[in-house]
Protein backbone atom coordinates (compact mmCIF):
# COMPACT_ATOMS: atom_id res chain seq x y z
CA UNK A 1 9.67 -44.01 13.81
CA UNK A 2 11.37 -45.29 10.68
CA UNK A 3 13.00 -42.75 8.35
CA UNK A 4 10.69 -43.25 5.36
CA UNK A 5 7.58 -42.61 7.47
CA UNK A 6 9.23 -39.53 9.03
CA UNK A 7 9.82 -38.00 5.57
CA UNK A 8 6.25 -38.76 4.47
CA UNK A 9 4.89 -36.96 7.54
CA UNK A 10 7.22 -34.03 6.95
CA UNK A 11 6.04 -33.88 3.31
CA UNK A 12 2.40 -33.88 4.36
CA UNK A 13 3.07 -31.09 6.82
CA UNK A 14 4.77 -29.02 4.15
CA UNK A 15 1.91 -29.67 1.69
CA UNK A 16 -0.61 -28.62 4.31
CA UNK A 17 1.35 -25.46 5.01
CA UNK A 18 1.56 -24.63 1.29
CA UNK A 19 -2.21 -25.09 0.99
CA UNK A 20 -2.77 -22.69 3.86
CA UNK A 21 -0.43 -20.08 2.37
CA UNK A 22 -2.11 -20.44 -1.04
CA UNK A 23 -5.52 -19.84 0.53
CA UNK A 24 -4.29 -16.70 2.27
CA UNK A 25 -2.81 -15.23 -0.90
CA UNK A 26 -6.01 -15.98 -2.83
CA UNK A 27 -8.18 -14.03 -0.35
CA UNK A 28 -10.86 -12.19 -2.30
CA UNK A 29 -13.31 -9.40 -1.63
CA UNK A 30 -16.73 -8.55 -2.95
CA UNK A 31 -17.05 -4.78 -2.84
CA UNK A 32 -15.66 -3.98 0.62
CA UNK A 33 -14.77 -0.27 0.74
CA UNK A 34 -12.53 2.02 2.73
CA UNK A 35 -11.54 5.65 2.37
CA UNK A 36 -9.11 8.24 3.64
CA UNK A 37 -9.15 12.04 3.81
CA UNK A 38 -5.57 13.29 3.46
CA UNK A 39 -4.43 16.44 5.24
CA UNK A 40 -1.34 18.53 4.54
CA UNK A 41 1.95 17.68 6.24
CA UNK A 42 5.54 18.99 6.15
CA UNK A 43 4.38 22.57 5.44
CA UNK A 44 2.71 21.67 2.13
CA UNK A 45 -0.72 22.59 0.79
CA UNK A 46 -1.42 19.05 -0.47
CA UNK A 47 -4.77 17.46 0.38
CA UNK A 48 -6.79 14.62 -1.02
CA UNK A 49 -9.41 11.93 -0.80
CA UNK A 50 -8.78 8.26 -1.58
CA UNK A 51 -11.10 5.25 -1.83
CA UNK A 52 -10.24 1.55 -1.86
CA UNK A 53 -12.75 -0.95 -3.30
CA UNK A 54 -12.04 -4.69 -3.16
CA UNK A 55 -13.08 -6.56 -6.33
CA UNK A 56 -12.06 -10.22 -6.39
CA UNK A 57 -8.30 -10.40 -5.94
CA UNK A 58 -7.80 -6.74 -6.97
CA UNK A 59 -8.29 -3.46 -5.16
CA UNK A 60 -9.40 -0.41 -7.15
CA UNK A 61 -7.82 2.75 -5.72
CA UNK A 62 -9.29 6.12 -6.72
CA UNK A 63 -8.18 9.54 -5.53
CA UNK A 64 -8.49 13.27 -6.01
CA UNK A 65 -5.72 15.61 -4.90
CA UNK A 66 -5.07 19.36 -4.73
CA UNK A 67 -2.13 21.52 -3.71
CA UNK A 68 0.51 19.38 -5.43
CA UNK A 69 3.51 20.73 -7.33
CA UNK A 70 2.20 21.48 -10.86
CA UNK A 71 3.07 19.11 -13.71
CA UNK A 72 4.92 16.66 -11.51
CA UNK A 73 4.80 13.18 -10.01
CA UNK A 74 4.52 12.31 -6.35
CA UNK A 75 5.17 9.01 -4.59
CA UNK A 76 2.06 7.40 -3.10
CA UNK A 77 2.02 4.54 -0.59
CA UNK A 78 0.06 2.77 2.10
CA UNK A 79 2.08 3.01 5.33
CA UNK A 80 2.10 0.50 8.18
CA UNK A 81 0.63 2.61 10.99
CA UNK A 82 -2.68 4.43 11.11
CA UNK A 83 -1.13 7.53 12.66
CA UNK A 84 -0.75 10.85 10.86
CA UNK A 85 -0.23 12.92 14.02
CA UNK A 86 3.39 13.99 13.41
CA UNK A 87 3.81 17.28 11.49
CA UNK A 88 5.92 15.41 8.92
CA UNK A 89 3.77 12.22 9.03
CA UNK A 90 6.69 10.06 10.19
CA UNK A 91 4.24 8.67 12.77
CA UNK A 92 2.75 6.62 9.89
CA UNK A 93 5.85 4.37 9.95
CA UNK A 94 7.32 2.69 6.90
CA UNK A 95 5.58 1.25 3.86
CA UNK A 96 2.98 -1.42 4.55
CA UNK A 97 4.92 -4.63 3.91
CA UNK A 98 3.31 -7.74 5.46
CA UNK A 99 5.30 -10.11 3.21
CA UNK A 100 8.69 -8.48 4.01
CA UNK A 101 9.56 -7.89 0.36
CA UNK A 102 11.84 -5.23 -1.09
CA UNK A 103 10.40 -1.97 -2.37
CA UNK A 104 9.55 -2.13 -6.06
CA UNK A 105 7.22 -1.56 -8.97
CA UNK A 106 3.55 -1.95 -7.98
CA UNK A 107 1.91 -5.26 -9.04
CA UNK A 108 5.30 -6.77 -9.91
CA UNK A 109 5.12 -9.37 -7.15
CA UNK A 110 8.48 -8.02 -6.01
CA UNK A 111 7.16 -5.04 -4.05
CA UNK A 112 5.73 -3.95 -0.73
CA UNK A 113 1.95 -4.37 -0.50
CA UNK A 114 1.79 -0.61 0.08
CA UNK A 115 3.68 0.35 -3.10
CA UNK A 116 1.35 2.19 -5.50
CA UNK A 117 1.90 4.02 -8.80
CA UNK A 118 2.91 7.68 -8.61
CA UNK A 119 0.33 10.45 -8.69
CA UNK A 120 0.65 12.78 -11.72
CA UNK A 121 -0.50 16.37 -11.21
CA UNK A 122 -1.74 18.79 -13.85
CA UNK A 123 -0.66 22.40 -14.50
CA UNK A 124 -2.76 23.56 -11.51
CA UNK A 125 -1.35 21.02 -9.06
CA UNK A 126 -4.49 18.89 -9.11
CA UNK A 127 -4.68 15.18 -9.83
CA UNK A 128 -7.17 12.39 -10.27
CA UNK A 129 -5.90 8.89 -9.68
CA UNK A 130 -7.00 5.37 -10.53
CA UNK A 131 -5.05 2.16 -10.05
CA UNK A 132 -5.97 -1.54 -10.03
CA UNK A 133 -3.68 -3.27 -7.53
CA UNK A 134 -3.28 -6.59 -5.77
CA UNK A 135 -1.31 -7.87 -2.81
CA UNK A 136 -3.47 -6.38 -0.09
CA UNK A 137 -7.03 -6.54 1.21
CA UNK A 138 -9.69 -4.03 2.24
CA UNK A 139 -10.14 -5.26 5.80
CA UNK A 140 -8.34 -5.22 9.16
CA UNK A 141 -6.55 -8.56 8.66
CA UNK A 142 -2.80 -9.05 8.37
CA UNK A 143 -2.82 -8.00 4.69
CA UNK A 144 -5.57 -5.41 5.18
CA UNK A 145 -5.19 -1.65 4.72
CA UNK A 146 -8.04 -0.59 7.03
CA UNK A 147 -6.55 1.11 10.09
CA UNK A 148 -3.33 2.03 8.27
CA UNK A 149 -2.44 5.33 6.60
CA UNK A 150 -2.00 6.49 3.03
CA UNK A 151 0.75 9.03 2.29
CA UNK A 152 1.63 11.36 -0.60
CA UNK A 153 5.34 12.20 -0.94
CA UNK A 154 6.86 15.33 -2.45
CA UNK A 155 8.94 13.54 -5.11
CA UNK A 156 8.27 10.66 -7.51
CA UNK A 157 8.96 7.10 -6.41
CA UNK A 158 11.79 5.60 -8.47
CA UNK A 159 10.52 2.05 -7.65
CA UNK A 160 14.04 0.79 -6.99
CA UNK A 161 15.79 2.67 -4.16
CA UNK A 162 15.52 0.82 -0.85
CA UNK A 163 13.66 0.93 1.38
CA UNK A 164 11.16 3.49 0.06
CA UNK A 165 11.83 4.66 -3.50
CA UNK A 166 13.60 7.95 -2.68
CA UNK A 167 10.30 9.85 -2.81
CA UNK A 168 11.16 12.54 -0.30
CA UNK A 169 9.18 14.15 2.51
CA UNK A 170 5.61 13.16 3.30
CA UNK A 171 3.37 16.04 2.20
CA UNK A 172 -0.10 14.59 2.91
CA UNK A 173 -1.40 11.79 5.13
CA UNK A 174 -4.76 10.21 5.94
CA UNK A 175 -6.10 7.34 8.03
CA UNK A 176 -7.76 4.54 6.03
CA UNK A 177 -11.19 3.74 7.54
């Protein structure tokens, strides 16, 4: 094979690969839903309910929480494993990160798929939560959250410390179904 033809074939292969990657990142949903009931972990009283609704390239995350530290922020993430069996929820593994990115600010493009904005509790330790996120899907595919877990941490996520934002112990955990 002559060299010019070899480079043309290599270029076509790369273009085809880029097209495939672009299609994967543009995956969209039309109302697929999942939810999780979070139970207390690490000796806390924290509990909650979370829903995920896929709308186009975004996922709307809604939650209600009780038993949090009053007037505070808590880190909140999707974790890689759908296992909340450990008393401290370490069985849930690390943050969901199918693109092997660093931990960071949600929706920045420089973050784990499982990085979400902090939860902010009121004076009674209750919180309602809404976030519009992208970078993951509501299905069981490689970028999907179904079958994984969602975790509330005791402390706020600083969005910069690696690998998980220095958000402390896991105080609530639930399987996303």
